[in-house]
PDB file of N, CA and C in Angstrom:
ATOM      1  N   MET A   1     -10.990   3.933  15.005  1.00  0.00           N
ATOM      2  CA  MET A   1     -11.491   4.990  14.119  1.00  0.00           C
ATOM      3  C   MET A   1     -13.075   5.137  14.053  1.00  0.00           C
ATOM      4  N   ASN A   2     -13.306   6.563  14.002  1.00  0.00           N
ATOM      5  CA  ASN A   2     -14.546   6.864  14.440  1.00  0.00           C
ATOM      6  C   ASN A   2     -15.251   8.242  13.940  1.00  0.00           C
ATOM      7  N   ALA A   3     -16.271   8.842  13.909  1.00  0.00           N
ATOM      8  CA  ALA A   3     -16.957   9.341  12.884  1.00  0.00           C
ATOM      9  C   ALA A   3     -16.069  10.834  13.089  1.00  0.00           C
ATOM     10  N   VAL A   4     -15.464  11.230  13.985  1.00  0.00           N
ATOM     11  CA  VAL A   4     -15.057  12.598  15.140  1.00  0.00           C
ATOM     12  C   VAL A   4     -13.356  12.658  14.933  1.00  0.00           C
ATOM     13  N   GLN A   5     -12.671  11.574  14.263  1.00  0.00           N
ATOM     14  CA  GLN A   5     -11.408  11.251  13.691  1.00  0.00           C
ATOM     15  C   GLN A   5     -10.659  12.047  13.160  1.00  0.00           C
ATOM     16  N   THR A   6      -9.683  12.985  12.986  1.00  0.00           N
ATOM     17  CA  THR A   6      -8.838  13.817  12.180  1.00  0.00           C
ATOM     18  C   THR A   6      -8.025  12.574  11.270  1.00  0.00           C
ATOM     19  N   GLU A   7      -7.823  13.763  10.300  1.00  0.00           N
ATOM     20  CA  GLU A   7      -6.753  12.450   9.460  1.00  0.00           C
ATOM     21  C   GLU A   7      -5.445  12.064  10.153  1.00  0.00           C
ATOM     22  N   ALA A   8      -5.495  12.928  10.645  1.00  0.00           N
ATOM     23  CA  ALA A   8      -3.958  12.425  11.952  1.00  0.00           C
ATOM     24  C   ALA A   8      -4.496  11.389  12.521  1.00  0.00           C
ATOM     25  N   GLU A   9      -5.794  11.436  13.350  1.00  0.00           N
ATOM     26  CA  GLU A   9      -5.719  10.344  14.259  1.00  0.00           C
ATOM     27  C   GLU A   9      -5.784   8.866  13.144  1.00  0.00           C
ATOM     28  N   ILE A  10      -6.660   9.002  11.789  1.00  0.00           N
ATOM     29  CA  ILE A  10      -7.112   7.738  10.826  1.00  0.00           C
ATOM     30  C   ILE A  10      -5.365   7.646  10.698  1.00  0.00           C
ATOM     31  N   LEU A  11      -4.646   8.142  10.109  1.00  0.00           N
ATOM     32  CA  LEU A  11      -2.990   7.856   9.492  1.00  0.00           C
ATOM     33  C   LEU A  11      -2.268   7.108  10.874  1.00  0.00           C
ATOM     34  N   ASP A  12      -2.981   7.579  12.332  1.00  0.00           N
ATOM     35  CA  ASP A  12      -2.035   6.649  13.345  1.00  0.00           C
ATOM     36  C   ASP A  12      -2.849   5.294  13.205  1.00  0.00           C
ATOM     37  N   ASP A  13      -3.759   5.223  13.336  1.00  0.00           N
ATOM     38  CA  ASP A  13      -4.566   4.229  13.320  1.00  0.00           C
ATOM     39  C   ASP A  13      -4.189   3.251  12.335  1.00  0.00           C
ATOM     40  N   LEU A  14      -3.994   3.784  10.803  1.00  0.00           N
ATOM     41  CA  LEU A  14      -3.980   2.952  10.035  1.00  0.00           C
ATOM     42  C   LEU A  14      -2.423   2.034   9.990  1.00  0.00           C
ATOM     43  N   ARG A  15      -0.957   3.362  10.816  1.00  0.00           N
ATOM     44  CA  ARG A  15      -0.091   2.658  10.828  1.00  0.00           C
ATOM     45  C   ARG A  15      -0.088   1.477  11.597  1.00  0.00           C
ATOM     46  N   GLY A  16      -1.029   1.112  12.744  1.00  0.00           N
ATOM     47  CA  GLY A  16      -1.306   0.064  13.611  1.00  0.00           C
ATOM     48  C   GLY A  16      -1.809  -1.014  13.093  1.00  0.00           C
ATOM     49  N   ILE A  17      -2.395  -0.681  12.103  1.00  0.00           N
ATOM     50  CA  ILE A  17      -3.312  -1.947  10.996  1.00  0.00           C
ATOM     51  C   ILE A  17      -2.230  -2.397   9.876  1.00  0.00           C
ATOM     52  N   PHE A  18      -1.312  -1.655   9.785  1.00  0.00           N
ATOM     53  CA  PHE A  18      -0.203  -2.137   8.883  1.00  0.00           C
ATOM     54  C   PHE A  18       0.882  -2.751   9.539  1.00  0.00           C
ATOM     55  N   ARG A  19       1.300  -2.671  10.420  1.00  0.00           N
ATOM     56  CA  ARG A  19       1.897  -3.364  11.201  1.00  0.00           C
ATOM     57  C   ARG A  19       1.244  -4.378  11.479  1.00  0.00           C
ATOM     58  N   ASP A  20       0.255  -4.506  12.201  1.00  0.00           N
ATOM     59  CA  ASP A  20      -0.608  -5.771  12.890  1.00  0.00           C
ATOM     60  C   ASP A  20      -0.971  -6.774  11.752  1.00  0.00           C
ATOM     61  N   ALA A  21      -1.672  -6.370  10.975  1.00  0.00           N
ATOM     62  CA  ALA A  21      -2.206  -7.024   9.810  1.00  0.00           C
ATOM     63  C   ALA A  21      -1.359  -7.317   8.782  1.00  0.00           C
ATOM     64  N   LEU A  22      -0.612  -6.329   8.400  1.00  0.00           N
ATOM     65  CA  LEU A  22       0.341  -6.741   7.309  1.00  0.00           C
ATOM     66  C   LEU A  22       2.078  -6.798   7.767  1.00  0.00           C
ATOM     67  N   GLY A  23       2.259  -6.822   8.767  1.00  0.00           N
ATOM     68  CA  GLY A  23       3.834  -6.850   8.939  1.00  0.00           C
ATOM     69  C   GLY A  23       4.338  -6.087   8.506  1.00  0.00           C
ATOM     70  N   VAL A  24       3.881  -4.732   8.613  1.00  0.00           N
ATOM     71  CA  VAL A  24       5.113  -4.091   8.268  1.00  0.00           C
ATOM     72  C   VAL A  24       6.169  -3.379   9.305  1.00  0.00           C
ATOM     73  N   ASP A  25       7.338  -3.449   8.765  1.00  0.00           N
ATOM     74  CA  ASP A  25       8.599  -3.150   9.759  1.00  0.00           C
ATOM     75  C   ASP A  25       8.057  -1.816  10.756  1.00  0.00           C
ATOM     76  N   PRO A  26       8.024  -1.819  11.567  1.00  0.00           N
ATOM     77  CA  PRO A  26       7.830  -0.741  12.834  1.00  0.00           C
ATOM     78  C   PRO A  26       7.917   0.501  12.466  1.00  0.00           C
ATOM     79  N   VAL A  27       9.627   0.556  12.017  1.00  0.00           N
ATOM     80  CA  VAL A  27      10.469   1.796  11.395  1.00  0.00           C
ATOM     81  C   VAL A  27       9.952   2.423  10.822  1.00  0.00           C
ATOM     82  N   ALA A  28       9.177   1.384   9.510  1.00  0.00           N
ATOM     83  CA  ALA A  28       8.968   2.080   7.960  1.00  0.00           C
ATOM     84  C   ALA A  28       7.822   3.510   7.758  1.00  0.00           C
ATOM     85  N   PRO A  29       8.495   4.158   7.196  1.00  0.00           N
ATOM     86  CA  PRO A  29       7.354   5.378   7.542  1.00  0.00           C
ATOM     87  C   PRO A  29       6.277   5.391   6.694  1.00  0.00           C
ATOM     88  N   ILE A  30       5.538   5.890   7.346  1.00  0.00           N
ATOM     89  CA  ILE A  30       3.588   5.505   6.543  1.00  0.00           C
ATOM     90  C   ILE A  30       3.457   6.684   7.119  1.00  0.00           C
ATOM     91  N   GLU A  31       3.633   7.546   5.864  1.00  0.00           N
ATOM     92  CA  GLU A  31       2.882   8.990   5.848  1.00  0.00           C
ATOM     93  C   GLU A  31       2.129   9.152   4.524  1.00  0.00           C
ATOM     94  N   PRO A  32       1.262  10.011   4.430  1.00  0.00           N
ATOM     95  CA  PRO A  32       0.191  10.568   3.462  1.00  0.00           C
ATOM     96  C   PRO A  32       0.892  10.342   2.107  1.00  0.00           C
ATOM     97  N   SER A  33       2.109  10.554   1.916  1.00  0.00           N
ATOM     98  CA  SER A  33       2.996  10.688   0.532  1.00  0.00           C
ATOM     99  C   SER A  33       3.323   8.911   0.428  1.00  0.00           C
ATOM    100  N   THR A  34       3.822   8.122   1.465  1.00  0.00           N
ATOM    101  CA  THR A  34       3.829   6.835   1.526  1.00  0.00           C
ATOM    102  C   THR A  34       2.920   6.088   0.250  1.00  0.00           C
ATOM    103  N   ARG A  35       3.562   5.085  -0.346  1.00  0.00           N
ATOM    104  CA  ARG A  35       2.855   4.225  -1.675  1.00  0.00           C
ATOM    105  C   ARG A  35       2.787   3.425  -1.025  1.00  0.00           C
ATOM    106  N   PHE A  36       1.704   2.577  -1.541  1.00  0.00           N
ATOM    107  CA  PHE A  36       1.306   1.247  -1.100  1.00  0.00           C
ATOM    108  C   PHE A  36       1.910  -0.280  -1.494  1.00  0.00           C
ATOM    109  N   PHE A  37       2.364  -0.142  -2.838  1.00  0.00           N
ATOM    110  CA  PHE A  37       3.449  -0.872  -3.345  1.00  0.00           C
ATOM    111  C   PHE A  37       4.586  -1.003  -3.528  1.00  0.00           C
ATOM    112  N   ALA A  38       4.747   0.446  -4.008  1.00  0.00           N
ATOM    113  CA  ALA A  38       6.191   0.938  -4.344  1.00  0.00           C
ATOM    114  C   ALA A  38       6.840   0.809  -3.097  1.00  0.00           C
ATOM    115  N   ASP A  39       6.451   1.827  -2.053  1.00  0.00           N
ATOM    116  CA  ASP A  39       7.246   2.451  -0.794  1.00  0.00           C
ATOM    117  C   ASP A  39       7.194   1.349  -0.192  1.00  0.00           C
ATOM    118  N   LEU A  40       6.321   0.512  -0.012  1.00  0.00           N
ATOM    119  CA  LEU A  40       5.964  -0.398   1.229  1.00  0.00           C
ATOM    120  C   LEU A  40       6.228  -1.982   0.754  1.00  0.00           C
ATOM    121  N   GLY A  41       6.219  -1.954  -0.831  1.00  0.00           N
ATOM    122  CA  GLY A  41       6.641  -3.124  -1.234  1.00  0.00           C
ATOM    123  C   GLY A  41       5.581  -4.250  -1.223  1.00  0.00           C
ATOM    124  N   LEU A  42       4.260  -3.869  -0.657  1.00  0.00           N
ATOM    125  CA  LEU A  42       3.021  -4.932  -0.689  1.00  0.00           C
ATOM    126  C   LEU A  42       2.440  -5.509  -1.847  1.00  0.00           C
ATOM    127  N   ALA A  43       1.579  -6.361  -2.013  1.00  0.00           N
ATOM    128  CA  ALA A  43       0.905  -6.794  -3.164  1.00  0.00           C
ATOM    129  C   ALA A  43      -0.104  -6.389  -3.155  1.00  0.00           C
ATOM    130  N   SER A  44      -1.147  -6.738  -4.240  1.00  0.00           N
ATOM    131  CA  SER A  44      -2.294  -6.715  -4.557  1.00  0.00           C
ATOM    132  C   SER A  44      -3.014  -7.534  -3.233  1.00  0.00           C
ATOM    133  N   ILE A  45      -2.806  -8.614  -2.914  1.00  0.00           N
ATOM    134  CA  ILE A  45      -3.753  -9.750  -2.098  1.00  0.00           C
ATOM    135  C   ILE A  45      -3.294  -8.888  -0.522  1.00  0.00           C
ATOM    136  N   ASP A  46      -2.372  -7.685  -0.442  1.00  0.00           N
ATOM    137  CA  ASP A  46      -2.197  -7.539   1.135  1.00  0.00           C
ATOM    138  C   ASP A  46      -3.355  -6.278   1.362  1.00  0.00           C
ATOM    139  N   ALA A  47      -3.609  -5.948   0.204  1.00  0.00           N
ATOM    140  CA  ALA A  47      -4.794  -4.300  -0.215  1.00  0.00           C
ATOM    141  C   ALA A  47      -6.000  -5.221   0.246  1.00  0.00           C
ATOM    142  N   VAL A  48      -6.570  -6.329  -0.015  1.00  0.00           N
ATOM    143  CA  VAL A  48      -7.405  -6.798   0.590  1.00  0.00           C
ATOM    144  C   VAL A  48      -7.703  -7.303   1.889  1.00  0.00           C
ATOM    145  N   VAL A  49      -6.332  -8.075   2.000  1.00  0.00           N
ATOM    146  CA  VAL A  49      -6.492  -8.152   3.741  1.00  0.00           C
ATOM    147  C   VAL A  49      -6.267  -7.052   4.749  1.00  0.00           C
ATOM    148  N   LEU A  50      -5.384  -5.567   4.051  1.00  0.00           N
ATOM    149  CA  LEU A  50      -5.517  -4.563   4.845  1.00  0.00           C
ATOM    150  C   LEU A  50      -7.272  -3.821   4.734  1.00  0.00           C
ATOM    151  N   GLY A  51      -8.126  -4.134   3.782  1.00  0.00           N
ATOM    152  CA  GLY A  51      -9.748  -3.596   3.571  1.00  0.00           C
ATOM    153  C   GLY A  51     -10.314  -4.572   4.937  1.00  0.00           C
ATOM    154  N   GLU A  52      -9.905  -6.073   5.083  1.00  0.00           N
ATOM    155  CA  GLU A  52     -10.678  -6.708   6.015  1.00  0.00           C
ATOM    156  C   GLU A  52     -10.391  -5.924   7.493  1.00  0.00           C
ATOM    157  N   ALA A  53      -9.313  -6.042   7.836  1.00  0.00           N
ATOM    158  CA  ALA A  53      -8.657  -5.594   8.565  1.00  0.00           C
ATOM    159  C   ALA A  53      -9.219  -4.500   9.446  1.00  0.00           C
ATOM    160  N   ILE A  54      -9.203  -3.246   8.498  1.00  0.00           N
ATOM    161  CA  ILE A  54      -9.664  -2.147   8.767  1.00  0.00           C
ATOM    162  C   ILE A  54     -11.590  -2.045   9.114  1.00  0.00           C
ATOM    163  N   GLN A  55     -11.706  -2.996   8.026  1.00  0.00           N
ATOM    164  CA  GLN A  55     -13.195  -3.545   8.550  1.00  0.00           C
ATOM    165  C   GLN A  55     -13.465  -4.205  10.041  1.00  0.00           C
ATOM    166  N   ALA A  56     -12.822  -4.612  10.316  1.00  0.00           N
ATOM    167  CA  ALA A  56     -12.731  -5.425  11.389  1.00  0.00           C
ATOM    168  C   ALA A  56     -12.509  -4.117  12.633  1.00  0.00           C
ATOM    169  N   HIS A  57     -11.496  -3.372  12.496  1.00  0.00           N
ATOM    170  CA  HIS A  57     -10.733  -2.290  13.258  1.00  0.00           C
ATOM    171  C   HIS A  57     -12.338  -1.775  13.512  1.00  0.00           C
ATOM    172  N   LEU A  58     -12.910  -1.448  12.475  1.00  0.00           N
ATOM    173  CA  LEU A  58     -14.093  -0.172  12.601  1.00  0.00           C
ATOM    174  C   LEU A  58     -15.573  -1.097  13.199  1.00  0.00           C
ATOM    175  N   GLY A  59     -15.492  -2.376  12.648  1.00  0.00           N
ATOM    176  CA  GLY A  59     -16.661  -3.235  12.883  1.00  0.00           C
ATOM    177  C   GLY A  59     -17.899  -3.432  12.039  1.00  0.00           C
ATOM    178  N   ARG A  60     -17.591  -2.884  11.096  1.00  0.00           N
ATOM    179  CA  ARG A  60     -18.442  -2.437  10.025  1.00  0.00           C
ATOM    180  C   ARG A  60     -17.858  -2.516   8.725  1.00  0.00           C
ATOM    181  N   PRO A  61     -18.832  -2.976   7.939  1.00  0.00           N
ATOM    182  CA  PRO A  61     -18.556  -2.814   6.243  1.00  0.00           C
ATOM    183  C   PRO A  61     -17.949  -1.099   5.480  1.00  0.00           C
ATOM    184  N   LEU A  62     -17.390  -1.496   4.730  1.00  0.00           N
ATOM    185  CA  LEU A  62     -16.615  -0.708   3.765  1.00  0.00           C
ATOM    186  C   LEU A  62     -16.791  -1.053   2.547  1.00  0.00           C
ATOM    187  N   PRO A  63     -16.883  -0.038   1.799  1.00  0.00           N
ATOM    188  CA  PRO A  63     -16.632  -0.193   0.092  1.00  0.00           C
ATOM    189  C   PRO A  63     -15.592  -0.187  -0.285  1.00  0.00           C
ATOM    190  N   PHE A  64     -14.686  -0.956   0.263  1.00  0.00           N
ATOM    191  CA  PHE A  64     -13.412  -0.895  -0.036  1.00  0.00           C
ATOM    192  C   PHE A  64     -13.289  -2.037  -0.882  1.00  0.00           C
ATOM    193  N   ASP A  65     -14.247  -2.807  -1.666  1.00  0.00           N
ATOM    194  CA  ASP A  65     -13.876  -3.564  -2.900  1.00  0.00           C
ATOM    195  C   ASP A  65     -14.319  -2.608  -4.192  1.00  0.00           C
ATOM    196  N   ALA A  66     -15.066  -1.332  -4.293  1.00  0.00           N
ATOM    197  CA  ALA A  66     -15.603  -0.171  -5.120  1.00  0.00           C
ATOM    198  C   ALA A  66     -14.287   0.442  -4.710  1.00  0.00           C
ATOM    199  N   PHE A  67     -13.335   0.939  -3.573  1.00  0.00           N
ATOM    200  CA  PHE A  67     -12.274   1.576  -3.596  1.00  0.00           C
ATOM    201  C   PHE A  67     -10.638   0.989  -4.103  1.00  0.00           C
ATOM    202  N   LEU A  68     -11.080  -0.319  -4.410  1.00  0.00           N
ATOM    203  CA  LEU A  68     -10.085  -1.246  -5.032  1.00  0.00           C
ATOM    204  C   LEU A  68      -9.918  -1.224  -6.479  1.00  0.00           C
ATOM    205  N   ALA A  69     -11.323  -1.552  -6.948  1.00  0.00           N
ATOM    206  CA  ALA A  69     -11.726  -1.163  -7.991  1.00  0.00           C
ATOM    207  C   ALA A  69     -11.006  -0.485  -9.043  1.00  0.00           C
ATOM    208  N   GLU A  70     -11.913   1.002  -8.072  1.00  0.00           N
ATOM    209  CA  GLU A  70     -11.746   2.083  -8.759  1.00  0.00           C
ATOM    210  C   GLU A  70      -9.942   2.227  -9.318  1.00  0.00           C
ATOM    211  N   LEU A  71      -8.949   2.100  -7.964  1.00  0.00           N
ATOM    212  CA  LEU A  71      -7.345   2.035  -8.522  1.00  0.00           C
ATOM    213  C   LEU A  71      -7.100   0.969  -9.171  1.00  0.00           C
ATOM    214  N   GLY A  72      -7.577  -0.068  -9.568  1.00  0.00           N
ATOM    215  CA  GLY A  72      -7.448  -1.013 -10.784  1.00  0.00           C
ATOM    216  C   GLY A  72      -7.636   0.047 -12.226  1.00  0.00           C
ATOM    217  N   ARG A  73      -8.585   0.651 -12.304  1.00  0.00           N
ATOM    218  CA  ARG A  73      -9.108   1.160 -14.093  1.00  0.00           C
ATOM    219  C   ARG A  73      -8.043   2.685 -13.837  1.00  0.00           C
ATOM    220  N   ARG A  74      -7.535   3.090 -13.044  1.00  0.00           N
ATOM    221  CA  ARG A  74      -6.483   4.273 -13.640  1.00  0.00           C
ATOM    222  C   ARG A  74      -5.363   3.856 -13.848  1.00  0.00           C
ATOM    223  N   GLU A  75      -4.666   4.606 -14.263  1.00  0.00           N
ATOM    224  CA  GLU A  75      -3.523   4.915 -15.091  1.00  0.00           C
ATOM    225  C   GLU A  75      -2.203   4.646 -14.110  1.00  0.00           C
ATOM    226  N   GLN A  76      -2.215   4.907 -13.219  1.00  0.00           N
ATOM    227  CA  GLN A  76      -1.075   4.947 -11.946  1.00  0.00           C
ATOM    228  C   GLN A  76      -2.043   4.212 -10.910  1.00  0.00           C
ATOM    229  N   ARG A  77      -1.249   3.420 -10.652  1.00  0.00           N
ATOM    230  CA  ARG A  77      -2.412   1.677  -9.839  1.00  0.00           C
ATOM    231  C   ARG A  77      -1.986   1.708  -8.503  1.00  0.00           C
ATOM    232  N   ASP A  78      -0.616   2.721  -7.801  1.00  0.00           N
ATOM    233  CA  ASP A  78      -0.385   2.817  -6.819  1.00  0.00           C
ATOM    234  C   ASP A  78      -1.089   3.285  -6.365  1.00  0.00           C
ATOM    235  N   LEU A  79      -1.276   3.000  -4.840  1.00  0.00           N
ATOM    236  CA  LEU A  79      -2.273   3.775  -3.931  1.00  0.00           C
ATOM    237  C   LEU A  79      -1.449   4.759  -2.656  1.00  0.00           C
ATOM    238  N   LEU A  80      -1.885   6.212  -2.597  1.00  0.00           N
ATOM    239  CA  LEU A  80      -0.998   6.644  -1.614  1.00  0.00           C
ATOM    240  C   LEU A  80      -1.674   6.727  -0.614  1.00  0.00           C
ATOM    241  N   ILE A  81      -0.519   6.452   0.677  1.00  0.00           N
ATOM    242  CA  ILE A  81      -1.714   6.641   2.200  1.00  0.00           C
ATOM    243  C   ILE A  81      -2.371   7.351   2.206  1.00  0.00           C
ATOM    244  N   ALA A  82      -2.272   8.941   1.793  1.00  0.00           N
ATOM    245  CA  ALA A  82      -3.677   9.888   1.894  1.00  0.00           C
ATOM    246  C   ALA A  82      -4.557   9.631   1.000  1.00  0.00           C
ATOM    247  N   GLU A  83      -4.736   8.891   0.375  1.00  0.00           N
ATOM    248  CA  GLU A  83      -5.849   8.098  -0.392  1.00  0.00           C
ATOM    249  C   GLU A  83      -6.675   7.511   0.411  1.00  0.00           C
ATOM    250  N   LEU A  84      -6.129   6.585   1.232  1.00  0.00           N
ATOM    251  CA  LEU A  84      -6.968   6.036   1.867  1.00  0.00           C
ATOM    252  C   LEU A  84      -7.188   6.237   3.122  1.00  0.00           C
ATOM    253  N   VAL A  85      -6.272   7.245   3.531  1.00  0.00           N
ATOM    254  CA  VAL A  85      -6.818   8.424   4.982  1.00  0.00           C
ATOM    255  C   VAL A  85      -8.176   8.794   4.155  1.00  0.00           C
ATOM    256  N   ALA A  86      -8.125   9.768   3.195  1.00  0.00           N
ATOM    257  CA  ALA A  86      -9.585  10.701   2.518  1.00  0.00           C
ATOM    258  C   ALA A  86     -10.405   9.646   2.475  1.00  0.00           C
ATOM    259  N   PHE A  87     -10.392   7.922   1.596  1.00  0.00           N
ATOM    260  CA  PHE A  87     -11.616   7.404   1.794  1.00  0.00           C
ATOM    261  C   PHE A  87     -12.324   7.038   2.937  1.00  0.00           C
ATOM    262  N   LEU A  88     -11.128   7.033   4.019  1.00  0.00           N
ATOM    263  CA  LEU A  88     -11.892   6.744   5.401  1.00  0.00           C
ATOM    264  C   LEU A  88     -12.249   7.429   6.041  1.00  0.00           C
ATOM    265  N   ARG A  89     -11.904   9.070   6.059  1.00  0.00           N
ATOM    266  CA  ARG A  89     -12.584  10.200   6.558  1.00  0.00           C
ATOM    267  C   ARG A  89     -13.854  10.192   5.929  1.00  0.00           C
ATOM    268  N   ASP A  90     -14.324   9.844   4.558  1.00  0.00           N
ATOM    269  CA  ASP A  90     -15.394   9.897   3.813  1.00  0.00           C
ATOM    270  C   ASP A  90     -16.537   8.959   4.005  1.00  0.00           C
ATOM    271  N   HIS A  91     -16.020   7.989   4.306  1.00  0.00           N
ATOM    272  CA  HIS A  91     -17.141   6.729   5.172  1.00  0.00           C
ATOM    273  C   HIS A  91     -17.010   6.503   6.345  1.00  0.00           C
ATOM    274  N   SER A  92     -16.565   7.643   7.373  1.00  0.00           N
ATOM    275  CA  SER A  92     -16.623   7.443   8.613  1.00  0.00           C
ATOM    276  C   SER A  92     -18.288   7.755   9.264  1.00  0.00           C
TER     277      SER A  92
END
């Protein structure tokens, strides 16, 4: 992932990270409307692992802890992949 990537390119990178770091089934649909917990069946610890994997992929730190903390404060605590893509776009 880099500063000139489109949202589609970020999503493609995320698909690889989900599969490599979290063991998500390669045929599982990972689209902007996919929910992290409900659709992919992941747990909160997986969000931490994902954050570490994304930062390793980028080679730099991100405010991922703050991103997850905000998620915990809202009523709907599931994370849409579109939200993750937007976060990465905004912090590229």
